[in-house]
Protein backbone atom coordinates (compact mmCIF):
# COMPACT_ATOMS: atom_id res chain seq x y z
CA MET A 1 100.01 37.83 116.18
CA THR A 2 98.30 41.16 115.58
CA GLY A 3 100.10 43.61 113.30
CA ALA A 4 100.01 47.37 113.23
CA GLY A 5 97.13 47.33 110.74
CA GLY A 6 95.08 45.11 113.03
CA ASP A 7 95.74 47.40 115.99
CA GLU A 8 94.60 50.41 113.97
CA ASP A 9 91.44 48.60 112.87
CA ALA A 10 90.64 47.60 116.45
CA HIS A 11 91.24 51.17 117.65
CA LEU A 12 88.95 52.56 114.95
CA ALA A 13 86.24 50.01 115.75
CA GLU A 14 86.43 50.95 119.42
CA ARG A 15 86.14 54.66 118.63
CA LYS A 16 83.09 54.02 116.43
CA MET A 17 81.48 51.95 119.20
CA ARG A 18 82.02 54.80 121.67
CA PHE A 19 80.59 57.16 119.05
CA LEU A 20 77.32 55.20 118.90
CA PHE A 21 77.20 54.91 122.68
CA ALA A 22 77.51 58.70 122.96
CA LEU A 23 74.58 59.12 120.58
CA ARG A 24 72.35 56.87 122.67
CA SER A 25 73.41 58.50 125.93
CA HIS A 26 72.38 61.92 124.53
CA GLY A 27 68.89 60.73 123.61
CA VAL A 28 69.27 59.46 120.05
CA THR A 29 67.18 56.31 120.35
CA ASP A 30 65.42 55.94 116.98
CA PRO A 31 66.83 52.69 115.48
CA ARG A 32 66.60 54.05 111.92
CA VAL A 33 68.60 57.15 112.83
CA LEU A 34 71.22 55.13 114.71
CA THR A 35 71.58 52.75 111.76
CA ALA A 36 71.93 55.67 109.34
CA MET A 37 74.61 57.28 111.49
CA GLU A 38 76.44 53.97 111.82
CA LYS A 39 76.54 53.66 108.02
CA VAL A 40 77.92 57.18 107.46
CA ASP A 41 81.57 57.42 108.49
CA ARG A 42 82.04 60.88 110.00
CA GLY A 43 85.77 60.45 109.46
CA ARG A 44 85.23 61.01 105.73
CA PHE A 45 83.89 64.50 106.42
CA VAL A 46 86.63 65.82 108.74
CA ARG A 47 89.98 66.83 107.27
CA GLY A 48 93.36 68.08 108.39
CA ILE A 49 94.44 68.40 112.01
CA PHE A 50 90.95 67.62 113.33
CA ALA A 51 90.60 64.27 111.53
CA GLU A 52 91.75 62.38 114.64
CA ARG A 53 88.76 63.79 116.55
CA ALA A 54 86.12 62.79 113.99
CA TYR A 55 84.50 60.23 116.30
CA GLU A 56 84.25 62.49 119.33
CA ASP A 57 80.90 64.03 120.20
CA MET A 58 81.90 67.59 119.51
CA PRO A 59 81.58 70.18 116.71
CA LEU A 60 84.71 70.71 114.64
CA PRO A 61 85.90 73.53 112.34
CA ILE A 62 85.71 73.09 108.57
CA ALA A 63 86.50 75.42 105.66
CA CYS A 64 84.91 78.86 105.14
CA GLY A 65 84.63 79.53 108.87
CA GLN A 66 81.91 76.89 109.27
CA THR A 67 81.61 73.79 111.48
CA ILE A 68 80.59 70.16 111.27
CA SER A 69 77.93 69.75 113.93
CA GLN A 70 78.24 67.68 117.09
CA PRO A 71 77.11 64.12 116.18
CA SER A 72 74.56 63.91 119.00
CA VAL A 73 72.96 67.15 117.73
CA VAL A 74 72.89 65.74 114.18
CA GLY A 75 71.19 62.65 115.59
CA LEU A 76 68.65 64.60 117.64
CA MET A 77 67.78 66.90 114.71
CA THR A 78 67.39 63.92 112.38
CA GLN A 79 65.27 62.11 114.94
CA ALA A 80 63.00 65.15 115.40
CA LEU A 81 62.60 65.45 111.62
CA ASN A 82 61.05 61.94 111.51
CA VAL A 83 62.05 61.31 107.89
CA GLY A 84 60.12 58.66 105.97
CA PRO A 85 61.45 56.56 103.06
CA ARG A 86 59.23 58.38 100.54
CA ASP A 87 60.08 61.88 101.77
CA THR A 88 61.81 64.67 99.87
CA VAL A 89 64.03 66.69 102.20
CA LEU A 90 65.58 70.14 101.87
CA GLU A 91 68.69 70.85 103.94
CA VAL A 92 69.80 74.46 104.28
CA GLY A 93 73.52 74.58 105.08
CA THR A 94 75.42 71.72 103.46
CA GLY A 95 78.64 72.40 105.35
CA SER A 96 80.78 69.27 105.32
CA GLY A 97 77.95 67.21 103.82
CA TYR A 98 77.71 64.93 106.86
CA GLN A 99 74.12 65.75 107.79
CA ALA A 100 72.93 65.34 104.18
CA ALA A 101 74.67 61.96 103.98
CA VAL A 102 72.78 60.82 107.08
CA LEU A 103 69.49 62.10 105.65
CA ALA A 104 70.21 60.27 102.39
CA GLN A 105 70.03 56.96 104.28
CA LEU A 106 66.45 57.76 105.34
CA ALA A 107 64.78 59.79 102.58
CA ARG A 108 63.86 59.24 98.95
CA ARG A 109 65.55 62.47 97.84
CA VAL A 110 67.70 65.09 99.57
CA TYR A 111 68.34 68.58 98.22
CA THR A 112 71.07 70.42 100.09
CA VAL A 113 72.18 74.01 99.53
CA ASP A 114 75.01 76.17 100.85
CA ARG A 115 76.14 79.74 100.24
CA TRP A 116 79.80 78.65 99.97
CA ARG A 117 80.80 77.25 96.56
CA ARG A 118 83.87 75.55 98.00
CA LEU A 119 81.80 73.57 100.50
CA VAL A 120 79.36 72.55 97.77
CA ARG A 121 82.20 71.35 95.53
CA GLU A 122 83.84 69.33 98.29
CA ALA A 123 80.57 67.84 99.54
CA SER A 124 79.48 66.94 95.99
CA THR A 125 82.73 65.04 95.47
CA LEU A 126 82.19 63.14 98.71
CA PHE A 127 78.61 62.27 97.79
CA ARG A 128 79.83 60.84 94.47
CA ASP A 129 82.60 58.88 96.17
CA LEU A 130 80.09 57.44 98.66
CA GLY A 131 77.59 56.55 95.93
CA LEU A 132 74.85 58.78 97.35
CA VAL A 133 72.87 59.17 94.14
CA ASN A 134 69.77 60.54 95.89
CA VAL A 135 71.53 63.75 97.04
CA THR A 136 71.51 66.94 94.95
CA CYS A 137 73.94 69.60 96.20
CA MET A 138 73.99 73.19 94.92
CA THR A 139 75.14 76.70 95.72
CA ALA A 140 72.22 78.91 96.73
CA ASP A 141 70.99 81.38 99.33
CA GLY A 142 69.30 78.95 101.67
CA SER A 143 67.23 81.60 103.43
CA PHE A 144 65.01 81.61 100.34
CA GLY A 145 64.79 77.83 100.18
CA LEU A 146 64.60 76.07 96.83
CA PRO A 147 61.31 77.15 95.23
CA ASP A 148 61.88 75.23 91.97
CA GLN A 149 61.81 71.93 93.89
CA ALA A 150 59.21 72.84 96.54
CA PRO A 151 57.14 71.78 98.37
CA PHE A 152 59.13 69.55 100.72
CA ASP A 153 58.06 66.88 103.19
CA ARG A 154 60.86 67.84 105.53
CA ILE A 155 63.20 70.83 105.89
CA LEU A 156 66.31 70.92 108.07
CA VAL A 157 68.24 74.15 108.69
CA THR A 158 71.76 73.94 110.12
CA ALA A 159 72.27 77.66 110.77
CA ALA A 160 70.43 79.90 113.21
CA ALA A 161 67.92 82.58 112.21
CA GLU A 162 66.08 85.00 114.49
CA ASP A 163 62.81 83.44 113.33
CA PRO A 164 61.89 80.60 110.95
CA PRO A 165 62.31 82.15 107.46
CA GLY A 166 58.99 82.80 105.71
CA PRO A 167 60.04 81.25 102.37
CA LEU A 168 60.98 78.00 104.12
CA LEU A 169 57.67 77.85 105.98
CA GLN A 170 55.84 78.36 102.69
CA GLN A 171 57.82 75.56 101.02
CA LEU A 172 56.80 73.02 103.67
CA LYS A 173 54.02 70.62 102.66
CA PRO A 174 50.90 70.36 104.83
CA GLY A 175 51.77 67.81 107.49
CA GLY A 176 55.47 68.52 106.89
CA ILE A 177 58.11 69.11 109.55
CA MET A 178 60.94 71.64 109.73
CA VAL A 179 63.69 71.51 112.36
CA LEU A 180 65.96 74.52 112.85
CA PRO A 181 67.86 76.55 115.46
CA VAL A 182 66.46 79.99 116.23
CA GLY A 183 67.92 82.79 118.32
CA GLN A 184 69.09 86.39 118.22
CA SER A 185 72.71 85.60 119.07
CA ASP A 186 75.14 82.69 119.04
CA ALA A 187 74.80 82.52 122.82
CA VAL A 188 71.01 82.14 123.05
CA GLN A 189 69.58 79.66 120.56
CA HIS A 190 66.99 76.91 120.75
CA LEU A 191 66.27 74.01 118.45
CA ILE A 192 62.69 74.30 117.19
CA LYS A 193 60.41 71.75 115.53
CA VAL A 194 57.78 73.30 113.25
CA THR A 195 54.88 71.20 111.99
CA ARG A 196 52.59 72.58 109.29
CA GLY A 197 48.97 71.83 110.09
CA ASP A 198 45.70 72.56 108.30
CA ARG A 199 45.30 75.85 110.16
CA GLY A 200 48.86 77.06 110.50
CA TYR A 201 52.12 76.07 112.14
CA ASP A 202 52.76 74.36 115.46
CA TYR A 203 56.04 75.12 117.24
CA GLU A 204 57.84 72.88 119.72
CA GLU A 205 61.01 73.91 121.54
CA LEU A 206 63.43 70.98 121.80
CA ARG A 207 66.70 72.04 123.44
CA PRO A 208 69.37 74.77 123.67
CA VAL A 209 71.94 74.68 120.85
CA ARG A 210 74.64 76.82 119.28
CA PHE A 211 74.97 77.15 115.49
CA VAL A 212 76.59 79.55 113.06
CA PRO A 213 74.17 82.29 111.90
CA LEU A 214 72.00 81.97 108.81
CA VAL A 215 73.38 84.62 106.44
CA GLU A 216 71.72 85.86 103.27
CA GLY A 217 73.63 86.03 100.00
CA LEU A 218 76.45 83.89 98.62
CA GLY A 219 79.96 83.51 100.05
CA ASN A 220 83.16 84.54 98.30
CA GLU A 221 84.87 81.13 98.20
């Protein structure tokens, strides 16, 4: 006889299976990325009234007026970044910490910054609870990158700028990749992959997206 706990476990397992199916159906096919996203429980990063929707393929509100990105977009951005096991990654826009936790499964070291102190505190606690010792989380103005730790093999930006910020381009190693949304409004944005070559930067447009804007300065919370 199956008890209430067993029913809940079966329901959760089914939701997680649908979650992975949604990733594949949206083009996330890299086995390493799928494995990383299977290991990281998105439910740990969604709180309050939206917790029940953690395994749906949709963005959800978090504190400080920010969002946790749609899982399929997280997967596609991670896939485009092509992170290797020896790579050092900079993430601009910690948010809930979910994207950094996924990157931590793939990279040697992840530095993640956010302008909101509250988000950094909450994400840092989650990283400790999850045993993610290769993630360093700090409050900083991400539009200027993290020059003390540069250069980076990979840079991921989870907020939209009108153009790729110059400091971030400069902090990318030769051969490195940056993935970020660009656009002049929240209605017209595209996900861009930037690869630094010997003679400059190559740009590849990936898909339309919608992200919160990249804002200079630190938040008040």
